[in-house]
Amino acid sequence: MRVDKWLWAARFFKTRSLASDAVGGGKVKLNDTSTKPAREIKIGDRLDISNGDSRWQVTVLALSEKRGPASEARQLYEETPDSIAAREAAQMRRKFSVEPAADIHGRPTKRDRRRLERLGG
């Protein structure tokens, strides 16, 4: 089965073309090596998947050509304990960090613009 099809069926990517672009762009590694979207995977292969801020390290448990519900998709792979811990730690950091743009509300006023010009030179 193709890597991009499996990633789509396992619900790591919303569309197959996004999965294919990610594999082609080096965001997915098969057994610690870069791969192509048409590369065949088999049960027992290890995938390192990077999708935005999220990273997964999974082992392929089953193959599926069809995209099913999320509960069935979770049966296709097993995530490593290190990957689970890293994702939870990243989630906690995001939860407790302050968003840089939280203090900005709308367009800057004339007063804000003058302050920025004074700071910037």
PDB file of N, CA and C in Angstrom:
ATOM      1  N   MET A   1       0.835  -1.171   0.000  1.00  0.00           N
ATOM      2  CA  MET A   1       0.000   0.000   0.000  1.00  0.00           C
ATOM      3  C   MET A   1       0.889   1.246   0.000  1.00  0.00           C
ATOM      4  N   ARG A   2       0.451   2.280  -0.685  1.00  0.00           N
ATOM      5  CA  ARG A   2       1.201   3.528  -0.793  1.00  0.00           C
ATOM      6  C   ARG A   2       1.222   4.277   0.541  1.00  0.00           C
ATOM      7  N   VAL A   3       2.319   4.959   0.824  1.00  0.00           N
ATOM      8  CA  VAL A   3       2.461   5.712   2.068  1.00  0.00           C
ATOM      9  C   VAL A   3       1.415   6.820   2.151  1.00  0.00           C
ATOM     10  N   ASP A   4       1.235   7.577   1.067  1.00  0.00           N
ATOM     11  CA  ASP A   4       0.297   8.700   1.128  1.00  0.00           C
ATOM     12  C   ASP A   4      -1.142   8.230   1.344  1.00  0.00           C
ATOM     13  N   LYS A   5      -1.513   7.109   0.746  1.00  0.00           N
ATOM     14  CA  LYS A   5      -2.864   6.566   0.948  1.00  0.00           C
ATOM     15  C   LYS A   5      -3.062   6.139   2.395  1.00  0.00           C
ATOM     16  N   TRP A   6      -2.046   5.501   2.971  1.00  0.00           N
ATOM     17  CA  TRP A   6      -2.169   5.044   4.348  1.00  0.00           C
ATOM     18  C   TRP A   6      -2.272   6.223   5.310  1.00  0.00           C
ATOM     19  N   LEU A   7      -1.464   7.272   5.089  1.00  0.00           N
ATOM     20  CA  LEU A   7      -1.519   8.458   5.953  1.00  0.00           C
ATOM     21  C   LEU A   7      -2.893   9.120   5.900  1.00  0.00           C
ATOM     22  N   TRP A   8      -3.489   9.137   4.720  1.00  0.00           N
ATOM     23  CA  TRP A   8      -4.832   9.693   4.555  1.00  0.00           C
ATOM     24  C   TRP A   8      -5.862   8.802   5.250  1.00  0.00           C
ATOM     25  N   ALA A   9      -5.757   7.499   5.074  1.00  0.00           N
ATOM     26  CA  ALA A   9      -6.707   6.567   5.690  1.00  0.00           C
ATOM     27  C   ALA A   9      -6.569   6.564   7.211  1.00  0.00           C
ATOM     28  N   ALA A  10      -5.351   6.786   7.729  1.00  0.00           N
ATOM     29  CA  ALA A  10      -5.121   6.810   9.172  1.00  0.00           C
ATOM     30  C   ALA A  10      -5.431   8.183   9.774  1.00  0.00           C
ATOM     31  N   ARG A  11      -5.881   9.112   8.946  1.00  0.00           N
ATOM     32  CA  ARG A  11      -6.336  10.437   9.368  1.00  0.00           C
ATOM     33  C   ARG A  11      -5.235  11.343   9.912  1.00  0.00           C
ATOM     34  N   PHE A  12      -4.024  11.191   9.421  1.00  0.00           N
ATOM     35  CA  PHE A  12      -2.971  12.131   9.775  1.00  0.00           C
ATOM     36  C   PHE A  12      -3.070  13.389   8.925  1.00  0.00           C
ATOM     37  N   PHE A  13      -3.667  13.260   7.726  1.00  0.00           N
ATOM     38  CA  PHE A  13      -3.863  14.387   6.826  1.00  0.00           C
ATOM     39  C   PHE A  13      -5.297  14.374   6.321  1.00  0.00           C
ATOM     40  N   LYS A  14      -5.839  15.563   6.076  1.00  0.00           N
ATOM     41  CA  LYS A  14      -7.244  15.683   5.702  1.00  0.00           C
ATOM     42  C   LYS A  14      -7.516  15.197   4.273  1.00  0.00           C
ATOM     43  N   THR A  15      -6.569  15.428   3.382  1.00  0.00           N
ATOM     44  CA  THR A  15      -6.738  14.966   2.007  1.00  0.00           C
ATOM     45  C   THR A  15      -5.513  14.161   1.590  1.00  0.00           C
ATOM     46  N   ARG A  16      -5.699  13.358   0.560  1.00  0.00           N
ATOM     47  CA  ARG A  16      -4.597  12.544   0.069  1.00  0.00           C
ATOM     48  C   ARG A  16      -3.524  13.417  -0.583  1.00  0.00           C
ATOM     49  N   SER A  17      -3.940  14.503  -1.213  1.00  0.00           N
ATOM     50  CA  SER A  17      -2.947  15.388  -1.834  1.00  0.00           C
ATOM     51  C   SER A  17      -2.087  16.073  -0.769  1.00  0.00           C
ATOM     52  N   LEU A  18      -2.660  16.430   0.386  1.00  0.00           N
ATOM     53  CA  LEU A  18      -1.863  16.985   1.476  1.00  0.00           C
ATOM     54  C   LEU A  18      -0.870  15.946   1.991  1.00  0.00           C
ATOM     55  N   ALA A  19      -1.311  14.705   2.092  1.00  0.00           N
ATOM     56  CA  ALA A  19      -0.428  13.621   2.529  1.00  0.00           C
ATOM     57  C   ALA A  19       0.701  13.430   1.522  1.00  0.00           C
ATOM     58  N   SER A  20       0.376  13.455   0.248  1.00  0.00           N
ATOM     59  CA  SER A  20       1.376  13.281  -0.795  1.00  0.00           C
ATOM     60  C   SER A  20       2.396  14.423  -0.780  1.00  0.00           C
ATOM     61  N   ASP A  21       1.911  15.654  -0.599  1.00  0.00           N
ATOM     62  CA  ASP A  21       2.817  16.808  -0.533  1.00  0.00           C
ATOM     63  C   ASP A  21       3.739  16.721   0.678  1.00  0.00           C
ATOM     64  N   ALA A  22       3.200  16.265   1.810  1.00  0.00           N
ATOM     65  CA  ALA A  22       4.009  16.145   3.024  1.00  0.00           C
ATOM     66  C   ALA A  22       5.093  15.091   2.844  1.00  0.00           C
ATOM     67  N   VAL A  23       4.749  13.966   2.251  1.00  0.00           N
ATOM     68  CA  VAL A  23       5.741  12.908   2.025  1.00  0.00           C
ATOM     69  C   VAL A  23       6.795  13.403   1.044  1.00  0.00           C
ATOM     70  N   GLY A  24       6.369  14.029  -0.023  1.00  0.00           N
ATOM     71  CA  GLY A  24       7.309  14.554  -1.012  1.00  0.00           C
ATOM     72  C   GLY A  24       8.179  15.665  -0.459  1.00  0.00           C
ATOM     73  N   GLY A  25       7.658  16.422   0.510  1.00  0.00           N
ATOM     74  CA  GLY A  25       8.404  17.523   1.105  1.00  0.00           C
ATOM     75  C   GLY A  25       9.315  17.120   2.243  1.00  0.00           C
ATOM     76  N   GLY A  26       9.407  15.833   2.541  1.00  0.00           N
ATOM     77  CA  GLY A  26      10.311  15.368   3.573  1.00  0.00           C
ATOM     78  C   GLY A  26       9.743  15.425   4.977  1.00  0.00           C
ATOM     79  N   LYS A  27       8.445  15.609   5.119  1.00  0.00           N
ATOM     80  CA  LYS A  27       7.822  15.679   6.440  1.00  0.00           C
ATOM     81  C   LYS A  27       7.528  14.298   7.013  1.00  0.00           C
ATOM     82  N   VAL A  28       7.647  13.278   6.193  1.00  0.00           N
ATOM     83  CA  VAL A  28       7.384  11.904   6.632  1.00  0.00           C
ATOM     84  C   VAL A  28       8.622  11.061   6.337  1.00  0.00           C
ATOM     85  N   LYS A  29       9.073  10.319   7.346  1.00  0.00           N
ATOM     86  CA  LYS A  29      10.215   9.419   7.161  1.00  0.00           C
ATOM     87  C   LYS A  29       9.751   7.998   7.429  1.00  0.00           C
ATOM     88  N   LEU A  30      10.145   7.095   6.563  1.00  0.00           N
ATOM     89  CA  LEU A  30       9.816   5.682   6.680  1.00  0.00           C
ATOM     90  C   LEU A  30      11.057   4.947   7.142  1.00  0.00           C
ATOM     91  N   ASN A  31      11.001   4.357   8.324  1.00  0.00           N
ATOM     92  CA  ASN A  31      12.143   3.648   8.915  1.00  0.00           C
ATOM     93  C   ASN A  31      13.401   4.524   8.905  1.00  0.00           C
ATOM     94  N   ASP A  32      13.246   5.783   9.336  1.00  0.00           N
ATOM     95  CA  ASP A  32      14.325   6.767   9.478  1.00  0.00           C
ATOM     96  C   ASP A  32      14.977   7.186   8.166  1.00  0.00           C
ATOM     97  N   THR A  33      14.309   7.013   7.039  1.00  0.00           N
ATOM     98  CA  THR A  33      14.821   7.500   5.760  1.00  0.00           C
ATOM     99  C   THR A  33      13.719   8.256   5.042  1.00  0.00           C
ATOM    100  N   SER A  34      14.109   9.238   4.252  1.00  0.00           N
ATOM    101  CA  SER A  34      13.137   9.973   3.447  1.00  0.00           C
ATOM    102  C   SER A  34      12.520   9.031   2.433  1.00  0.00           C
ATOM    103  N   THR A  35      11.305   9.352   2.025  1.00  0.00           N
ATOM    104  CA  THR A  35      10.597   8.450   1.124  1.00  0.00           C
ATOM    105  C   THR A  35       9.806   9.249   0.098  1.00  0.00           C
ATOM    106  N   LYS A  36       9.228   8.535  -0.830  1.00  0.00           N
ATOM    107  CA  LYS A  36       8.369   9.138  -1.850  1.00  0.00           C
ATOM    108  C   LYS A  36       6.927   8.722  -1.587  1.00  0.00           C
ATOM    109  N   PRO A  37       5.940   9.487  -2.101  1.00  0.00           N
ATOM    110  CA  PRO A  37       4.537   9.164  -1.835  1.00  0.00           C
ATOM    111  C   PRO A  37       4.098   7.788  -2.313  1.00  0.00           C
ATOM    112  N   ALA A  38       4.677   7.274  -3.376  1.00  0.00           N
ATOM    113  CA  ALA A  38       4.251   5.986  -3.929  1.00  0.00           C
ATOM    114  C   ALA A  38       4.960   4.802  -3.288  1.00  0.00           C
ATOM    115  N   ARG A  39       5.820   5.050  -2.334  1.00  0.00           N
ATOM    116  CA  ARG A  39       6.562   3.969  -1.681  1.00  0.00           C
ATOM    117  C   ARG A  39       5.602   3.033  -0.956  1.00  0.00           C
ATOM    118  N   GLU A  40       5.839   1.762  -1.092  1.00  0.00           N
ATOM    119  CA  GLU A  40       4.984   0.763  -0.455  1.00  0.00           C
ATOM    120  C   GLU A  40       5.370   0.606   1.014  1.00  0.00           C
ATOM    121  N   ILE A  41       4.366   0.546   1.881  1.00  0.00           N
ATOM    122  CA  ILE A  41       4.621   0.271   3.294  1.00  0.00           C
ATOM    123  C   ILE A  41       4.019  -1.080   3.644  1.00  0.00           C
ATOM    124  N   LYS A  42       4.496  -1.626   4.745  1.00  0.00           N
ATOM    125  CA  LYS A  42       3.966  -2.913   5.191  1.00  0.00           C
ATOM    126  C   LYS A  42       3.804  -2.868   6.709  1.00  0.00           C
ATOM    127  N   ILE A  43       3.134  -3.832   7.243  1.00  0.00           N
ATOM    128  CA  ILE A  43       2.906  -3.901   8.686  1.00  0.00           C
ATOM    129  C   ILE A  43       4.252  -4.034   9.387  1.00  0.00           C
ATOM    130  N   GLY A  44       4.442  -3.251  10.430  1.00  0.00           N
ATOM    131  CA  GLY A  44       5.686  -3.262  11.179  1.00  0.00           C
ATOM    132  C   GLY A  44       6.610  -2.108  10.846  1.00  0.00           C
ATOM    133  N   ASP A  45       6.333  -1.378   9.756  1.00  0.00           N
ATOM    134  CA  ASP A  45       7.157  -0.225   9.408  1.00  0.00           C
ATOM    135  C   ASP A  45       6.960   0.885  10.433  1.00  0.00           C
ATOM    136  N   ARG A  46       8.007   1.696  10.600  1.00  0.00           N
ATOM    137  CA  ARG A  46       7.953   2.817  11.532  1.00  0.00           C
ATOM    138  C   ARG A  46       7.933   4.117  10.747  1.00  0.00           C
ATOM    139  N   LEU A  47       6.995   5.004  11.063  1.00  0.00           N
ATOM    140  CA  LEU A  47       6.862   6.288  10.389  1.00  0.00           C
ATOM    141  C   LEU A  47       7.084   7.414  11.378  1.00  0.00           C
ATOM    142  N   ASP A  48       7.850   8.424  10.960  1.00  0.00           N
ATOM    143  CA  ASP A  48       8.004   9.669  11.701  1.00  0.00           C
ATOM    144  C   ASP A  48       7.269  10.731  10.892  1.00  0.00           C
ATOM    145  N   ILE A  49       6.199  11.277  11.473  1.00  0.00           N
ATOM    146  CA  ILE A  49       5.303  12.177  10.754  1.00  0.00           C
ATOM    147  C   ILE A  49       5.340  13.548  11.414  1.00  0.00           C
ATOM    148  N   SER A  50       5.536  14.581  10.617  1.00  0.00           N
ATOM    149  CA  SER A  50       5.514  15.958  11.093  1.00  0.00           C
ATOM    150  C   SER A  50       4.416  16.696  10.346  1.00  0.00           C
ATOM    151  N   ASN A  51       3.439  17.197  11.080  1.00  0.00           N
ATOM    152  CA  ASN A  51       2.305  17.896  10.477  1.00  0.00           C
ATOM    153  C   ASN A  51       2.093  19.193  11.249  1.00  0.00           C
ATOM    154  N   GLY A  52       2.689  20.271  10.774  1.00  0.00           N
ATOM    155  CA  GLY A  52       2.587  21.535  11.488  1.00  0.00           C
ATOM    156  C   GLY A  52       3.359  21.473  12.788  1.00  0.00           C
ATOM    157  N   ASP A  53       2.687  21.760  13.900  1.00  0.00           N
ATOM    158  CA  ASP A  53       3.328  21.708  15.210  1.00  0.00           C
ATOM    159  C   ASP A  53       3.361  20.296  15.779  1.00  0.00           C
ATOM    160  N   SER A  54       2.604  19.396  15.222  1.00  0.00           N
ATOM    161  CA  SER A  54       2.484  18.043  15.760  1.00  0.00           C
ATOM    162  C   SER A  54       3.504  17.098  15.121  1.00  0.00           C
ATOM    163  N   ARG A  55       4.032  16.210  15.952  1.00  0.00           N
ATOM    164  CA  ARG A  55       4.954  15.176  15.469  1.00  0.00           C
ATOM    165  C   ARG A  55       4.524  13.846  16.073  1.00  0.00           C
ATOM    166  N   TRP A  56       4.529  12.824  15.235  1.00  0.00           N
ATOM    167  CA  TRP A  56       4.169  11.478  15.680  1.00  0.00           C
ATOM    168  C   TRP A  56       5.258  10.511  15.268  1.00  0.00           C
ATOM    169  N   GLN A  57       5.476   9.508  16.096  1.00  0.00           N
ATOM    170  CA  GLN A  57       6.297   8.348  15.743  1.00  0.00           C
ATOM    171  C   GLN A  57       5.384   7.150  15.931  1.00  0.00           C
ATOM    172  N   VAL A  58       5.059   6.501  14.822  1.00  0.00           N
ATOM    173  CA  VAL A  58       4.081   5.415  14.876  1.00  0.00           C
ATOM    174  C   VAL A  58       4.629   4.173  14.201  1.00  0.00           C
ATOM    175  N   THR A  59       4.068   3.048  14.627  1.00  0.00           N
ATOM    176  CA  THR A  59       4.353   1.759  13.994  1.00  0.00           C
ATOM    177  C   THR A  59       3.083   1.309  13.299  1.00  0.00           C
ATOM    178  N   VAL A  60       3.194   0.867  12.058  1.00  0.00           N
ATOM    179  CA  VAL A  60       2.035   0.435  11.270  1.00  0.00           C
ATOM    180  C   VAL A  60       1.567  -0.927  11.782  1.00  0.00           C
ATOM    181  N   LEU A  61       0.297  -0.989  12.199  1.00  0.00           N
ATOM    182  CA  LEU A  61      -0.284  -2.248  12.678  1.00  0.00           C
ATOM    183  C   LEU A  61      -1.193  -2.913  11.645  1.00  0.00           C
ATOM    184  N   ALA A  62      -1.811  -2.089  10.794  1.00  0.00           N
ATOM    185  CA  ALA A  62      -2.729  -2.627   9.787  1.00  0.00           C
ATOM    186  C   ALA A  62      -2.735  -1.695   8.582  1.00  0.00           C
ATOM    187  N   LEU A  63      -3.205  -2.202   7.460  1.00  0.00           N
ATOM    188  CA  LEU A  63      -3.317  -1.428   6.231  1.00  0.00           C
ATOM    189  C   LEU A  63      -4.783  -1.271   5.871  1.00  0.00           C
ATOM    190  N   SER A  64      -5.127  -0.102   5.337  1.00  0.00           N
ATOM    191  CA  SER A  64      -6.501   0.134   4.919  1.00  0.00           C
ATOM    192  C   SER A  64      -6.512   1.058   3.715  1.00  0.00           C
ATOM    193  N   GLU A  65      -7.244   0.671   2.698  1.00  0.00           N
ATOM    194  CA  GLU A  65      -7.373   1.493   1.492  1.00  0.00           C
ATOM    195  C   GLU A  65      -8.427   2.571   1.671  1.00  0.00           C
ATOM    196  N   LYS A  66      -9.367   2.355   2.614  1.00  0.00           N
ATOM    197  CA  LYS A  66     -10.481   3.281   2.801  1.00  0.00           C
ATOM    198  C   LYS A  66     -10.267   4.147   4.034  1.00  0.00           C
ATOM    199  N   ARG A  67     -10.766   5.360   3.958  1.00  0.00           N
ATOM    200  CA  ARG A  67     -10.737   6.271   5.095  1.00  0.00           C
ATOM    201  C   ARG A  67     -12.021   6.073   5.883  1.00  0.00           C
ATOM    202  N   GLY A  68     -11.884   5.599   7.095  1.00  0.00           N
ATOM    203  CA  GLY A  68     -13.036   5.332   7.932  1.00  0.00           C
ATOM    204  C   GLY A  68     -13.116   6.301   9.086  1.00  0.00           C
ATOM    205  N   PRO A  69     -13.950   5.992  10.077  1.00  0.00           N
ATOM    206  CA  PRO A  69     -14.054   6.849  11.250  1.00  0.00           C
ATOM    207  C   PRO A  69     -12.745   6.870  12.042  1.00  0.00           C
ATOM    208  N   ALA A  70     -12.602   7.880  12.884  1.00  0.00           N
ATOM    209  CA  ALA A  70     -11.372   8.046  13.657  1.00  0.00           C
ATOM    210  C   ALA A  70     -11.108   6.846  14.555  1.00  0.00           C
ATOM    211  N   SER A  71     -12.165   6.245  15.081  1.00  0.00           N
ATOM    212  CA  SER A  71     -11.972   5.077  15.952  1.00  0.00           C
ATOM    213  C   SER A  71     -11.328   3.922  15.190  1.00  0.00           C
ATOM    214  N   GLU A  72     -11.715   3.736  13.935  1.00  0.00           N
ATOM    215  CA  GLU A  72     -11.092   2.686  13.113  1.00  0.00           C
ATOM    216  C   GLU A  72      -9.684   3.091  12.678  1.00  0.00           C
ATOM    217  N   ALA A  73      -9.482   4.379  12.435  1.00  0.00           N
ATOM    218  CA  ALA A  73      -8.164   4.854  11.994  1.00  0.00           C
ATOM    219  C   ALA A  73      -7.123   4.633  13.082  1.00  0.00           C
ATOM    220  N   ARG A  74      -7.500   4.775  14.340  1.00  0.00           N
ATOM    221  CA  ARG A  74      -6.561   4.561  15.443  1.00  0.00           C
ATOM    222  C   ARG A  74      -6.100   3.110  15.545  1.00  0.00           C
ATOM    223  N   GLN A  75      -6.861   2.197  14.970  1.00  0.00           N
ATOM    224  CA  GLN A  75      -6.492   0.779  14.991  1.00  0.00           C
ATOM    225  C   GLN A  75      -5.398   0.454  13.962  1.00  0.00           C
ATOM    226  N   LEU A  76      -5.118   1.403  13.059  1.00  0.00           N
ATOM    227  CA  LEU A  76      -4.127   1.167  12.008  1.00  0.00           C
ATOM    228  C   LEU A  76      -2.693   1.358  12.480  1.00  0.00           C
ATOM    229  N   TYR A  77      -2.493   2.030  13.613  1.00  0.00           N
ATOM    230  CA  TYR A  77      -1.144   2.332  14.066  1.00  0.00           C
ATOM    231  C   TYR A  77      -1.054   2.313  15.587  1.00  0.00           C
ATOM    232  N   GLU A  78       0.184   2.265  16.063  1.00  0.00           N
ATOM    233  CA  GLU A  78       0.462   2.369  17.489  1.00  0.00           C
ATOM    234  C   GLU A  78       1.522   3.444  17.660  1.00  0.00           C
ATOM    235  N   GLU A  79       1.229   4.421  18.491  1.00  0.00           N
ATOM    236  CA  GLU A  79       2.165   5.517  18.720  1.00  0.00           C
ATOM    237  C   GLU A  79       3.148   5.126  19.818  1.00  0.00           C
ATOM    238  N   THR A  80       4.403   5.512  19.653  1.00  0.00           N
ATOM    239  CA  THR A  80       5.421   5.170  20.645  1.00  0.00           C
ATOM    240  C   THR A  80       5.219   6.005  21.912  1.00  0.00           C
ATOM    241  N   PRO A  81       5.597   5.478  23.068  1.00  0.00           N
ATOM    242  CA  PRO A  81       5.452   6.235  24.323  1.00  0.00           C
ATOM    243  C   PRO A  81       6.224   7.554  24.323  1.00  0.00           C
ATOM    244  N   ASP A  82       7.405   7.580  23.696  1.00  0.00           N
ATOM    245  CA  ASP A  82       8.183   8.819  23.614  1.00  0.00           C
ATOM    246  C   ASP A  82       7.426   9.881  22.829  1.00  0.00           C
ATOM    247  N   SER A  83       6.783   9.469  21.751  1.00  0.00           N
ATOM    248  CA  SER A  83       6.017  10.390  20.923  1.00  0.00           C
ATOM    249  C   SER A  83       4.823  10.951  21.694  1.00  0.00           C
ATOM    250  N   ILE A  84       4.142  10.096  22.440  1.00  0.00           N
ATOM    251  CA  ILE A  84       2.992  10.543  23.237  1.00  0.00           C
ATOM    252  C   ILE A  84       3.443  11.575  24.271  1.00  0.00           C
ATOM    253  N   ALA A  85       4.545  11.286  24.961  1.00  0.00           N
ATOM    254  CA  ALA A  85       5.049  12.205  25.987  1.00  0.00           C
ATOM    255  C   ALA A  85       5.469  13.534  25.372  1.00  0.00           C
ATOM    256  N   ALA A  86       6.127  13.511  24.226  1.00  0.00           N
ATOM    257  CA  ALA A  86       6.571  14.744  23.572  1.00  0.00           C
ATOM    258  C   ALA A  86       5.382  15.587  23.118  1.00  0.00           C
ATOM    259  N   ARG A  87       4.352  14.934  22.556  1.00  0.00           N
ATOM    260  CA  ARG A  87       3.175  15.693  22.113  1.00  0.00           C
ATOM    261  C   ARG A  87       2.434  16.308  23.296  1.00  0.00           C
ATOM    262  N   GLU A  88       2.320  15.571  24.403  1.00  0.00           N
ATOM    263  CA  GLU A  88       1.647  16.110  25.584  1.00  0.00           C
ATOM    264  C   GLU A  88       2.435  17.265  26.188  1.00  0.00           C
ATOM    265  N   ALA A  89       3.770  17.172  26.195  1.00  0.00           N
ATOM    266  CA  ALA A  89       4.593  18.265  26.706  1.00  0.00           C
ATOM    267  C   ALA A  89       4.443  19.509  25.828  1.00  0.00           C
ATOM    268  N   ALA A  90       4.426  19.330  24.513  1.00  0.00           N
ATOM    269  CA  ALA A  90       4.243  20.460  23.605  1.00  0.00           C
ATOM    270  C   ALA A  90       2.865  21.088  23.792  1.00  0.00           C
ATOM    271  N   GLN A  91       1.857  20.254  24.011  1.00  0.00           N
ATOM    272  CA  GLN A  91       0.507  20.761  24.232  1.00  0.00           C
ATOM    273  C   GLN A  91       0.445  21.592  25.519  1.00  0.00           C
ATOM    274  N   MET A  92       1.114  21.139  26.565  1.00  0.00           N
ATOM    275  CA  MET A  92       1.135  21.893  27.825  1.00  0.00           C
ATOM    276  C   MET A  92       1.872  23.224  27.652  1.00  0.00           C
ATOM    277  N   ARG A  93       2.968  23.225  26.900  1.00  0.00           N
ATOM    278  CA  ARG A  93       3.686  24.479  26.649  1.00  0.00           C
ATOM    279  C   ARG A  93       2.797  25.468  25.911  1.00  0.00           C
ATOM    280  N   ARG A  94       2.063  24.992  24.901  1.00  0.00           N
ATOM    281  CA  ARG A  94       1.162  25.879  24.156  1.00  0.00           C
ATOM    282  C   ARG A  94       0.033  26.385  25.042  1.00  0.00           C
ATOM    283  N   LYS A  95      -0.429  25.532  25.934  1.00  0.00           N
ATOM    284  CA  LYS A  95      -1.555  25.892  26.789  1.00  0.00           C
ATOM    285  C   LYS A  95      -1.189  27.015  27.755  1.00  0.00           C
ATOM    286  N   PHE A  96       0.032  26.969  28.297  1.00  0.00           N
ATOM    287  CA  PHE A  96       0.427  27.941  29.307  1.00  0.00           C
ATOM    288  C   PHE A  96       1.254  29.107  28.772  1.00  0.00           C
ATOM    289  N   SER A  97       1.600  29.101  27.503  1.00  0.00           N
ATOM    290  CA  SER A  97       2.343  30.227  26.948  1.00  0.00           C
ATOM    291  C   SER A  97       1.375  31.314  26.497  1.00  0.00           C
ATOM    292  N   VAL A  98       1.841  32.538  26.536  1.00  0.00           N
ATOM    293  CA  VAL A  98       1.021  33.683  26.163  1.00  0.00           C
ATOM    294  C   VAL A  98       1.142  33.897  24.658  1.00  0.00           C
ATOM    295  N   GLU A  99       0.016  34.060  24.018  1.00  0.00           N
ATOM    296  CA  GLU A  99      -0.014  34.332  22.581  1.00  0.00           C
ATOM    297  C   GLU A  99       0.567  35.727  22.340  1.00  0.00           C
ATOM    298  N   PRO A 100       1.565  35.880  21.440  1.00  0.00           N
ATOM    299  CA  PRO A 100       2.179  37.185  21.226  1.00  0.00           C
ATOM    300  C   PRO A 100       1.199  38.261  20.749  1.00  0.00           C
ATOM    301  N   ALA A 101       0.201  37.876  19.992  1.00  0.00           N
ATOM    302  CA  ALA A 101      -0.735  38.859  19.444  1.00  0.00           C
ATOM    303  C   ALA A 101      -1.963  39.058  20.333  1.00  0.00           C
ATOM    304  N   ALA A 102      -1.931  38.538  21.559  1.00  0.00           N
ATOM    305  CA  ALA A 102      -3.106  38.632  22.433  1.00  0.00           C
ATOM    306  C   ALA A 102      -3.419  40.068  22.832  1.00  0.00           C
ATOM    307  N   ASP A 103      -2.389  40.925  22.933  1.00  0.00           N
ATOM    308  CA  ASP A 103      -2.603  42.305  23.347  1.00  0.00           C
ATOM    309  C   ASP A 103      -3.009  43.212  22.195  1.00  0.00           C
ATOM    310  N   ILE A 104      -2.886  42.750  20.987  1.00  0.00           N
ATOM    311  CA  ILE A 104      -3.202  43.574  19.814  1.00  0.00           C
ATOM    312  C   ILE A 104      -4.671  43.374  19.453  1.00  0.00           C
ATOM    313  N   HIS A 105      -5.391  44.470  19.385  1.00  0.00           N
ATOM    314  CA  HIS A 105      -6.813  44.404  19.033  1.00  0.00           C
ATOM    315  C   HIS A 105      -7.061  45.318  17.846  1.00  0.00           C
ATOM    316  N   GLY A 106      -7.159  44.765  16.671  1.00  0.00           N
ATOM    317  CA  GLY A 106      -7.461  45.557  15.482  1.00  0.00           C
ATOM    318  C   GLY A 106      -6.248  46.309  14.962  1.00  0.00           C
ATOM    319  N   ARG A 107      -6.547  47.337  14.187  1.00  0.00           N
ATOM    320  CA  ARG A 107      -5.487  48.144  13.579  1.00  0.00           C
ATOM    321  C   ARG A 107      -4.822  49.039  14.610  1.00  0.00           C
ATOM    322  N   PRO A 108      -3.531  49.365  14.405  1.00  0.00           N
ATOM    323  CA  PRO A 108      -2.883  50.302  15.324  1.00  0.00           C
ATOM    324  C   PRO A 108      -3.467  51.703  15.153  1.00  0.00           C
ATOM    325  N   THR A 109      -3.570  52.421  16.237  1.00  0.00           N
ATOM    326  CA  THR A 109      -4.063  53.795  16.191  1.00  0.00           C
ATOM    327  C   THR A 109      -2.926  54.720  15.773  1.00  0.00           C
ATOM    328  N   LYS A 110      -3.267  55.981  15.564  1.00  0.00           N
ATOM    329  CA  LYS A 110      -2.240  56.947  15.205  1.00  0.00           C
ATOM    330  C   LYS A 110      -1.202  57.050  16.325  1.00  0.00           C
ATOM    331  N   ARG A 111      -1.666  56.986  17.558  1.00  0.00           N
ATOM    332  CA  ARG A 111      -0.765  57.040  18.716  1.00  0.00           C
ATOM    333  C   ARG A 111       0.180  55.827  18.718  1.00  0.00           C
ATOM    334  N   ASP A 112      -0.365  54.637  18.440  1.00  0.00           N
ATOM    335  CA  ASP A 112       0.465  53.435  18.373  1.00  0.00           C
ATOM    336  C   ASP A 112       1.504  53.550  17.265  1.00  0.00           C
ATOM    337  N   ARG A 113       1.093  54.079  16.125  1.00  0.00           N
ATOM    338  CA  ARG A 113       2.013  54.225  14.996  1.00  0.00           C
ATOM    339  C   ARG A 113       3.163  55.153  15.358  1.00  0.00           C
ATOM    340  N   ARG A 114       2.854  56.251  16.036  1.00  0.00           N
ATOM    341  CA  ARG A 114       3.905  57.194  16.433  1.00  0.00           C
ATOM    342  C   ARG A 114       4.862  56.554  17.427  1.00  0.00           C
ATOM    343  N   ARG A 115       4.343  55.745  18.340  1.00  0.00           N
ATOM    344  CA  ARG A 115       5.210  55.032  19.291  1.00  0.00           C
ATOM    345  C   ARG A 115       6.140  54.071  18.571  1.00  0.00           C
ATOM    346  N   LEU A 116       5.580  53.344  17.597  1.00  0.00           N
ATOM    347  CA  LEU A 116       6.394  52.400  16.821  1.00  0.00           C
ATOM    348  C   LEU A 116       7.475  53.112  16.039  1.00  0.00           C
ATOM    349  N   GLU A 117       7.156  54.266  15.486  1.00  0.00           N
ATOM    350  CA  GLU A 117       8.169  55.037  14.726  1.00  0.00           C
ATOM    351  C   GLU A 117       9.277  55.541  15.637  1.00  0.00           C
ATOM    352  N   ARG A 118       8.917  55.959  16.857  1.00  0.00           N
ATOM    353  CA  ARG A 118       9.926  56.408  17.816  1.00  0.00           C
ATOM    354  C   ARG A 118      10.871  55.268  18.203  1.00  0.00           C
ATOM    355  N   LEU A 119      10.304  54.069  18.380  1.00  0.00           N
ATOM    356  CA  LEU A 119      11.131  52.925  18.745  1.00  0.00           C
ATOM    357  C   LEU A 119      12.022  52.479  17.594  1.00  0.00           C
ATOM    358  N   GLY A 120      11.442  52.474  16.391  1.00  0.00           N
ATOM    359  CA  GLY A 120      12.159  51.949  15.228  1.00  0.00           C
ATOM    360  C   GLY A 120      13.116  52.925  14.596  1.00  0.00           C
ATOM    361  N   GLY A 121      12.944  54.198  14.844  1.00  0.00           N
ATOM    362  CA  GLY A 121      13.878  55.164  14.287  1.00  0.00           C
ATOM    363  C   GLY A 121      13.304  56.002  13.276  1.00  0.00           C
TER     364      GLY A 121
END
